[in-house]
Amino acid sequence: MIRWSPAAPARPGCPHRRLFRLLAREMPHGMTLGVSTLRPWASANFVGARHLFPCSPAAGGIPISRQTLLDRLSAVEWRLAGHIVADIAVEPANGAEELRIEILTVED
């Protein structure tokens, strides 16, 4: 098993950049993505990563509710070579209008 380190590169074939591009395309009008991060994740049976994407309304944009964004992202068929989207969560972030999208991927 590969140990996680903040200095270590992502595992080969990590879908983080692809997820960012797909997520940017699916974001509602007026919402922008911030700087994303990922953290390797593993259970007894699976290996994957937690992908964290902060998002907020653009200047002058209308805030969107957590549930609306979660419903929209849950309906997407994520196509990631060698990976499966196992879970999606939308949580409040630092500010009142800021949200954080967390996507858990596992290797196929």
C-alpha atoms as a PDB file:
ATOM      1  CA  MET A   1       0.000   0.000   0.000  1.00  0.00           C
ATOM      2  CA  ILE A   2       1.233   3.501  -0.810  1.00  0.00           C
ATOM      3  CA  ARG A   3       1.355   5.800   2.211  1.00  0.00           C
ATOM      4  CA  TRP A   4      -0.128   9.257   1.882  1.00  0.00           C
ATOM      5  CA  SER A   5       2.113  12.293   2.054  1.00  0.00           C
ATOM      6  CA  PRO A   6       1.256  15.905   1.206  1.00  0.00           C
ATOM      7  CA  ALA A   7       4.469  16.049  -0.823  1.00  0.00           C
ATOM      8  CA  ALA A   8       3.869  12.810  -2.719  1.00  0.00           C
ATOM      9  CA  PRO A   9       2.272  12.977  -6.173  1.00  0.00           C
ATOM     10  CA  ALA A  10      -1.155  11.472  -6.741  1.00  0.00           C
ATOM     11  CA  ARG A  11      -1.368   7.827  -7.727  1.00  0.00           C
ATOM     12  CA  PRO A  12      -1.028   7.093 -11.436  1.00  0.00           C
ATOM     13  CA  GLY A  13      -4.305   7.611 -13.252  1.00  0.00           C
ATOM     14  CA  CYS A  14      -5.776   9.821 -10.502  1.00  0.00           C
ATOM     15  CA  PRO A  15      -8.915  11.476 -11.928  1.00  0.00           C
ATOM     16  CA  HIS A  16      -8.643  14.737  -9.950  1.00  0.00           C
ATOM     17  CA  ARG A  17      -8.016  17.062 -12.908  1.00  0.00           C
ATOM     18  CA  ARG A  18     -10.722  15.344 -14.969  1.00  0.00           C
ATOM     19  CA  LEU A  19     -13.179  15.671 -12.068  1.00  0.00           C
ATOM     20  CA  PHE A  20     -12.376  19.376 -11.811  1.00  0.00           C
ATOM     21  CA  ARG A  21     -13.111  19.917 -15.510  1.00  0.00           C
ATOM     22  CA  LEU A  22     -16.344  17.875 -15.376  1.00  0.00           C
ATOM     23  CA  LEU A  23     -17.467  19.626 -12.212  1.00  0.00           C
ATOM     24  CA  ALA A  24     -16.748  23.062 -13.699  1.00  0.00           C
ATOM     25  CA  ARG A  25     -18.977  22.154 -16.635  1.00  0.00           C
ATOM     26  CA  GLU A  26     -21.814  21.030 -14.315  1.00  0.00           C
ATOM     27  CA  MET A  27     -21.722  24.026 -11.968  1.00  0.00           C
ATOM     28  CA  PRO A  28     -24.846  26.198 -12.045  1.00  0.00           C
ATOM     29  CA  HIS A  29     -24.561  29.617 -13.669  1.00  0.00           C
ATOM     30  CA  GLY A  30     -23.038  32.102 -11.249  1.00  0.00           C
ATOM     31  CA  MET A  31     -21.079  29.568  -9.167  1.00  0.00           C
ATOM     32  CA  THR A  32     -17.287  29.368  -9.364  1.00  0.00           C
ATOM     33  CA  LEU A  33     -14.863  26.700  -8.192  1.00  0.00           C
ATOM     34  CA  GLY A  34     -11.896  27.551  -6.006  1.00  0.00           C
ATOM     35  CA  VAL A  35      -8.552  25.819  -5.570  1.00  0.00           C
ATOM     36  CA  SER A  36      -9.202  22.096  -5.181  1.00  0.00           C
ATOM     37  CA  THR A  37      -7.334  19.535  -3.108  1.00  0.00           C
ATOM     38  CA  LEU A  38      -7.301  15.781  -2.845  1.00  0.00           C
ATOM     39  CA  ARG A  39      -6.385  13.329  -0.166  1.00  0.00           C
ATOM     40  CA  PRO A  40      -5.780   9.638  -0.787  1.00  0.00           C
ATOM     41  CA  TRP A  41      -8.319   7.393   0.903  1.00  0.00           C
ATOM     42  CA  ALA A  42      -8.480   3.656   1.552  1.00  0.00           C
ATOM     43  CA  SER A  43     -10.672   1.149   3.322  1.00  0.00           C
ATOM     44  CA  ALA A  44     -10.177  -2.550   3.893  1.00  0.00           C
ATOM     45  CA  ASN A  45     -11.440  -3.282   0.370  1.00  0.00           C
ATOM     46  CA  PHE A  46     -10.976  -0.140  -1.714  1.00  0.00           C
ATOM     47  CA  VAL A  47      -8.355   2.449  -2.655  1.00  0.00           C
ATOM     48  CA  GLY A  48      -9.279   5.886  -3.878  1.00  0.00           C
ATOM     49  CA  ALA A  49      -9.225   9.574  -3.020  1.00  0.00           C
ATOM     50  CA  ARG A  50     -11.303  12.328  -1.437  1.00  0.00           C
ATOM     51  CA  HIS A  51     -11.531  15.285  -3.812  1.00  0.00           C
ATOM     52  CA  LEU A  52     -12.453  18.615  -2.201  1.00  0.00           C
ATOM     53  CA  PHE A  53     -13.752  21.483  -4.329  1.00  0.00           C
ATOM     54  CA  PRO A  54     -14.652  24.802  -2.678  1.00  0.00           C
ATOM     55  CA  CYS A  55     -17.245  26.833  -4.556  1.00  0.00           C
ATOM     56  CA  SER A  56     -18.957  30.161  -4.083  1.00  0.00           C
ATOM     57  CA  PRO A  57     -21.229  32.509  -5.978  1.00  0.00           C
ATOM     58  CA  ALA A  58     -19.448  34.744  -8.467  1.00  0.00           C
ATOM     59  CA  ALA A  59     -19.511  38.475  -7.790  1.00  0.00           C
ATOM     60  CA  GLY A  60     -23.145  39.492  -8.081  1.00  0.00           C
ATOM     61  CA  GLY A  61     -24.232  35.856  -8.469  1.00  0.00           C
ATOM     62  CA  ILE A  62     -27.174  34.342  -6.654  1.00  0.00           C
ATOM     63  CA  PRO A  63     -26.283  31.764  -3.970  1.00  0.00           C
ATOM     64  CA  ILE A  64     -27.551  28.244  -4.545  1.00  0.00           C
ATOM     65  CA  SER A  65     -28.749  25.887  -1.815  1.00  0.00           C
ATOM     66  CA  ARG A  66     -26.764  22.827  -0.762  1.00  0.00           C
ATOM     67  CA  GLN A  67     -29.611  20.474  -1.636  1.00  0.00           C
ATOM     68  CA  THR A  68     -30.115  21.971  -5.095  1.00  0.00           C
ATOM     69  CA  LEU A  69     -26.421  21.585  -5.895  1.00  0.00           C
ATOM     70  CA  LEU A  70     -26.313  18.056  -4.456  1.00  0.00           C
ATOM     71  CA  ASP A  71     -29.363  17.021  -6.500  1.00  0.00           C
ATOM     72  CA  ARG A  72     -27.785  18.424  -9.649  1.00  0.00           C
ATOM     73  CA  LEU A  73     -24.430  16.680  -9.089  1.00  0.00           C
ATOM     74  CA  SER A  74     -26.038  13.380  -8.055  1.00  0.00           C
ATOM     75  CA  ALA A  75     -27.841  13.210 -11.394  1.00  0.00           C
ATOM     76  CA  VAL A  76     -24.568  13.423 -13.362  1.00  0.00           C
ATOM     77  CA  GLU A  77     -23.145  10.233 -14.861  1.00  0.00           C
ATOM     78  CA  TRP A  78     -19.460  10.639 -14.050  1.00  0.00           C
ATOM     79  CA  ARG A  79     -17.201   8.980 -16.625  1.00  0.00           C
ATOM     80  CA  LEU A  80     -13.746   8.379 -15.173  1.00  0.00           C
ATOM     81  CA  ALA A  81     -11.424   5.817 -16.704  1.00  0.00           C
ATOM     82  CA  GLY A  82     -10.463   3.262 -14.056  1.00  0.00           C
ATOM     83  CA  HIS A  83     -12.392   4.985 -11.257  1.00  0.00           C
ATOM     84  CA  ILE A  84     -15.910   5.093  -9.865  1.00  0.00           C
ATOM     85  CA  VAL A  85     -17.573   7.996  -8.059  1.00  0.00           C
ATOM     86  CA  ALA A  86     -18.663   6.342  -4.825  1.00  0.00           C
ATOM     87  CA  ASP A  87     -20.132   9.349  -2.996  1.00  0.00           C
ATOM     88  CA  ILE A  88     -20.822  13.057  -3.390  1.00  0.00           C
ATOM     89  CA  ALA A  89     -21.433  15.468  -0.516  1.00  0.00           C
ATOM     90  CA  VAL A  90     -22.087  19.211  -0.455  1.00  0.00           C
ATOM     91  CA  GLU A  91     -21.343  20.928   2.848  1.00  0.00           C
ATOM     92  CA  PRO A  92     -21.192  24.512   4.081  1.00  0.00           C
ATOM     93  CA  ALA A  93     -17.707  26.019   3.997  1.00  0.00           C
ATOM     94  CA  ASN A  94     -16.207  29.044   5.737  1.00  0.00           C
ATOM     95  CA  GLY A  95     -18.603  31.758   4.621  1.00  0.00           C
ATOM     96  CA  ALA A  96     -22.387  31.800   4.693  1.00  0.00           C
ATOM     97  CA  GLU A  97     -22.630  31.471   0.909  1.00  0.00           C
ATOM     98  CA  GLU A  98     -19.600  29.248   0.384  1.00  0.00           C
ATOM     99  CA  LEU A  99     -19.964  25.515  -0.150  1.00  0.00           C
ATOM    100  CA  ARG A 100     -17.538  22.608  -0.324  1.00  0.00           C
ATOM    101  CA  ILE A 101     -18.120  19.702  -2.693  1.00  0.00           C
ATOM    102  CA  GLU A 102     -16.497  16.437  -1.674  1.00  0.00           C
ATOM    103  CA  ILE A 103     -16.321  13.593  -4.170  1.00  0.00           C
ATOM    104  CA  LEU A 104     -15.077  10.168  -3.123  1.00  0.00           C
ATOM    105  CA  THR A 105     -13.620   8.078  -5.929  1.00  0.00           C
ATOM    106  CA  VAL A 106     -12.462   4.471  -5.766  1.00  0.00           C
ATOM    107  CA  GLU A 107     -10.298   2.595  -8.214  1.00  0.00           C
ATOM    108  CA  ASP A 108     -12.249   0.262 -10.483  1.00  0.00           C
END
